[in-house]
Amino acid sequence: MSNWTDGLRVEVLGDEIVVILPATSYGITYYKPANSPQLLAKDFRSKVDSRAPITYSDFLARAWQVANTKARELGWID
């Protein structure tokens, strides 16, 4: 399952939400621990990519937003 939002690709892989910016090295994986009311990040790449049309910090902010939207759609969070 995937969709495109602001150029970001969002994929649900089992109990994880993966957000990437295609054609760059930017990517991050989110998951929701059983005892947590929110998503947590893991497996993120922090290398700056000069090919990217946005900064890494902008990517992280947008990725957090789209991951939370997807988690709400899936009923993982309120």
N, C-alpha and C. Protein backbone atom coordinates (compact mmCIF):
# COMPACT_ATOMS: atom_id res chain seq x y z
N MET A 1 0.85 -1.17 0.00
CA MET A 1 0.00 0.00 0.00
C MET A 1 0.90 1.23 0.00
N SER A 2 0.70 2.12 -0.94
CA SER A 2 1.51 3.33 -0.98
C SER A 2 0.72 4.47 -1.61
N ASN A 3 1.19 5.68 -1.37
CA ASN A 3 0.61 6.84 -2.02
C ASN A 3 1.68 7.93 -2.07
N TRP A 4 1.41 8.99 -2.82
CA TRP A 4 2.36 10.08 -2.95
C TRP A 4 1.78 11.33 -2.33
N THR A 5 2.54 11.96 -1.44
CA THR A 5 2.13 13.20 -0.80
C THR A 5 3.32 14.14 -0.79
N ASP A 6 3.19 15.29 -1.40
CA ASP A 6 4.29 16.25 -1.46
C ASP A 6 5.57 15.62 -1.99
N GLY A 7 5.45 14.68 -2.92
CA GLY A 7 6.62 14.02 -3.47
C GLY A 7 7.16 12.90 -2.63
N LEU A 8 6.59 12.69 -1.45
CA LEU A 8 7.05 11.63 -0.56
C LEU A 8 6.32 10.34 -0.88
N ARG A 9 7.01 9.25 -0.77
CA ARG A 9 6.38 7.94 -0.95
C ARG A 9 6.18 7.33 0.42
N VAL A 10 4.95 6.89 0.68
CA VAL A 10 4.59 6.31 1.97
C VAL A 10 4.18 4.86 1.73
N GLU A 11 4.84 3.95 2.43
CA GLU A 11 4.52 2.53 2.31
C GLU A 11 4.28 1.93 3.68
N VAL A 12 3.29 1.07 3.76
CA VAL A 12 3.03 0.33 4.99
C VAL A 12 3.56 -1.08 4.77
N LEU A 13 4.51 -1.45 5.60
CA LEU A 13 5.12 -2.77 5.53
C LEU A 13 4.91 -3.46 6.87
N GLY A 14 3.87 -4.27 6.95
CA GLY A 14 3.55 -4.93 8.21
C GLY A 14 3.16 -3.91 9.26
N ASP A 15 3.95 -3.83 10.33
CA ASP A 15 3.64 -2.89 11.41
C ASP A 15 4.53 -1.65 11.36
N GLU A 16 5.04 -1.33 10.18
CA GLU A 16 5.89 -0.16 10.01
C GLU A 16 5.39 0.72 8.87
N ILE A 17 5.66 2.00 9.00
CA ILE A 17 5.36 2.96 7.95
C ILE A 17 6.71 3.51 7.48
N VAL A 18 6.98 3.35 6.20
CA VAL A 18 8.24 3.81 5.63
C VAL A 18 7.96 5.02 4.74
N VAL A 19 8.72 6.08 4.95
CA VAL A 19 8.57 7.29 4.15
C VAL A 19 9.91 7.55 3.47
N ILE A 20 9.87 7.74 2.16
CA ILE A 20 11.08 8.06 1.42
C ILE A 20 10.82 9.22 0.47
N LEU A 21 11.88 9.90 0.11
CA LEU A 21 11.82 10.91 -0.94
C LEU A 21 12.57 10.29 -2.12
N PRO A 22 11.84 9.87 -3.14
CA PRO A 22 12.46 9.19 -4.27
C PRO A 22 13.61 9.99 -4.89
N ALA A 23 14.55 9.28 -5.44
CA ALA A 23 15.73 9.83 -6.11
C ALA A 23 16.67 10.57 -5.16
N THR A 24 16.52 10.30 -3.86
CA THR A 24 17.42 10.87 -2.85
C THR A 24 17.78 9.75 -1.87
N SER A 25 18.62 10.08 -0.92
CA SER A 25 18.96 9.11 0.12
C SER A 25 18.09 9.30 1.37
N TYR A 26 17.08 10.16 1.29
CA TYR A 26 16.23 10.44 2.44
C TYR A 26 15.18 9.34 2.64
N GLY A 27 15.16 8.79 3.84
CA GLY A 27 14.17 7.79 4.18
C GLY A 27 14.11 7.61 5.69
N ILE A 28 12.96 7.20 6.18
CA ILE A 28 12.77 6.98 7.60
C ILE A 28 11.66 5.96 7.81
N THR A 29 11.79 5.18 8.85
CA THR A 29 10.79 4.17 9.18
C THR A 29 10.18 4.51 10.54
N TYR A 30 8.86 4.42 10.62
CA TYR A 30 8.13 4.66 11.87
C TYR A 30 7.43 3.38 12.28
N TYR A 31 7.26 3.21 13.58
CA TYR A 31 6.51 2.09 14.12
C TYR A 31 5.79 2.57 15.38
N LYS A 32 4.80 1.82 15.81
CA LYS A 32 4.06 2.18 17.02
C LYS A 32 4.19 1.06 18.04
N PRO A 33 4.96 1.29 19.10
CA PRO A 33 5.05 0.29 20.16
C PRO A 33 3.68 0.10 20.82
N ALA A 34 3.44 -1.07 21.33
CA ALA A 34 2.15 -1.39 21.95
C ALA A 34 1.80 -0.44 23.09
N ASN A 35 2.76 0.00 23.85
CA ASN A 35 2.49 0.84 25.03
C ASN A 35 2.61 2.34 24.75
N SER A 36 2.70 2.72 23.49
CA SER A 36 2.91 4.12 23.14
C SER A 36 1.69 4.69 22.42
N PRO A 37 1.33 5.94 22.73
CA PRO A 37 0.22 6.57 22.02
C PRO A 37 0.64 7.20 20.68
N GLN A 38 1.94 7.13 20.37
CA GLN A 38 2.42 7.79 19.15
C GLN A 38 3.44 6.92 18.43
N LEU A 39 3.76 7.35 17.22
CA LEU A 39 4.77 6.66 16.43
C LEU A 39 6.17 7.01 16.93
N LEU A 40 7.07 6.09 16.73
CA LEU A 40 8.49 6.33 17.00
C LEU A 40 9.26 6.08 15.71
N ALA A 41 10.38 6.79 15.56
CA ALA A 41 11.20 6.67 14.36
C ALA A 41 12.35 5.69 14.59
N LYS A 42 12.72 5.02 13.50
CA LYS A 42 13.90 4.17 13.52
C LYS A 42 14.43 4.09 12.09
N ASP A 43 15.62 3.58 11.94
CA ASP A 43 16.22 3.36 10.63
C ASP A 43 16.17 4.60 9.74
N PHE A 44 16.59 5.74 10.30
CA PHE A 44 16.60 6.93 9.45
C PHE A 44 18.03 7.22 9.00
N ARG A 45 18.10 7.74 7.81
CA ARG A 45 19.39 8.08 7.20
C ARG A 45 19.62 9.57 7.39
N SER A 46 20.71 9.93 8.00
CA SER A 46 20.93 11.34 8.31
C SER A 46 21.93 12.01 7.38
N LYS A 47 22.33 11.35 6.32
CA LYS A 47 23.27 11.94 5.39
C LYS A 47 22.57 12.99 4.52
N VAL A 48 23.15 14.16 4.44
CA VAL A 48 22.61 15.22 3.59
C VAL A 48 22.79 14.83 2.13
N ASP A 49 21.75 15.01 1.35
CA ASP A 49 21.77 14.66 -0.06
C ASP A 49 21.63 15.93 -0.88
N SER A 50 22.68 16.32 -1.57
CA SER A 50 22.66 17.56 -2.35
C SER A 50 21.69 17.50 -3.53
N ARG A 51 21.26 16.29 -3.92
CA ARG A 51 20.30 16.15 -5.02
C ARG A 51 18.87 16.43 -4.57
N ALA A 52 18.64 16.41 -3.27
CA ALA A 52 17.27 16.55 -2.74
C ALA A 52 16.75 17.97 -2.94
N PRO A 53 15.46 18.10 -3.29
CA PRO A 53 14.87 19.42 -3.50
C PRO A 53 14.52 20.13 -2.19
N ILE A 54 14.64 19.43 -1.06
CA ILE A 54 14.35 20.02 0.25
C ILE A 54 15.48 19.63 1.20
N THR A 55 15.59 20.33 2.31
CA THR A 55 16.61 20.01 3.31
C THR A 55 16.21 18.74 4.06
N TYR A 56 17.17 18.15 4.74
CA TYR A 56 16.88 16.95 5.51
C TYR A 56 15.90 17.25 6.63
N SER A 57 16.04 18.40 7.28
CA SER A 57 15.11 18.74 8.36
C SER A 57 13.69 18.94 7.82
N ASP A 58 13.56 19.54 6.62
CA ASP A 58 12.23 19.66 6.01
C ASP A 58 11.66 18.29 5.68
N PHE A 59 12.52 17.40 5.19
CA PHE A 59 12.06 16.04 4.91
C PHE A 59 11.53 15.39 6.18
N LEU A 60 12.29 15.48 7.28
CA LEU A 60 11.85 14.86 8.53
C LEU A 60 10.52 15.41 9.01
N ALA A 61 10.34 16.72 8.88
CA ALA A 61 9.07 17.34 9.31
C ALA A 61 7.91 16.84 8.46
N ARG A 62 8.10 16.80 7.14
CA ARG A 62 7.04 16.33 6.24
C ARG A 62 6.78 14.83 6.42
N ALA A 63 7.86 14.07 6.60
CA ALA A 63 7.71 12.62 6.80
C ALA A 63 6.91 12.33 8.06
N TRP A 64 7.16 13.07 9.12
CA TRP A 64 6.43 12.89 10.38
C TRP A 64 4.94 13.15 10.15
N GLN A 65 4.63 14.20 9.40
CA GLN A 65 3.23 14.53 9.14
C GLN A 65 2.53 13.44 8.33
N VAL A 66 3.16 12.99 7.24
CA VAL A 66 2.49 12.00 6.40
C VAL A 66 2.42 10.64 7.09
N ALA A 67 3.41 10.31 7.91
CA ALA A 67 3.37 9.05 8.64
C ALA A 67 2.24 9.06 9.67
N ASN A 68 2.06 10.17 10.35
CA ASN A 68 0.98 10.27 11.31
C ASN A 68 -0.38 10.23 10.64
N THR A 69 -0.51 10.87 9.49
CA THR A 69 -1.75 10.81 8.74
C THR A 69 -2.07 9.36 8.36
N LYS A 70 -1.07 8.64 7.86
CA LYS A 70 -1.26 7.25 7.48
C LYS A 70 -1.60 6.40 8.71
N ALA A 71 -0.94 6.64 9.82
CA ALA A 71 -1.21 5.89 11.06
C ALA A 71 -2.64 6.12 11.53
N ARG A 72 -3.14 7.34 11.40
CA ARG A 72 -4.53 7.62 11.77
C ARG A 72 -5.50 6.87 10.84
N GLU A 73 -5.19 6.88 9.54
CA GLU A 73 -6.04 6.15 8.57
C GLU A 73 -6.10 4.68 8.91
N LEU A 74 -5.00 4.14 9.39
CA LEU A 74 -4.93 2.71 9.73
C LEU A 74 -5.49 2.40 11.12
N GLY A 75 -5.82 3.45 11.89
CA GLY A 75 -6.34 3.24 13.24
C GLY A 75 -5.27 2.93 14.26
N TRP A 76 -4.01 3.21 13.93
CA TRP A 76 -2.91 2.95 14.85
C TRP A 76 -2.85 3.99 15.97
N ILE A 77 -3.23 5.24 15.63
CA ILE A 77 -3.22 6.33 16.61
C ILE A 77 -4.49 7.13 16.47
N ASP A 78 -4.78 7.95 17.49
CA ASP A 78 -5.96 8.82 17.46
C ASP A 78 -5.66 10.14 16.83
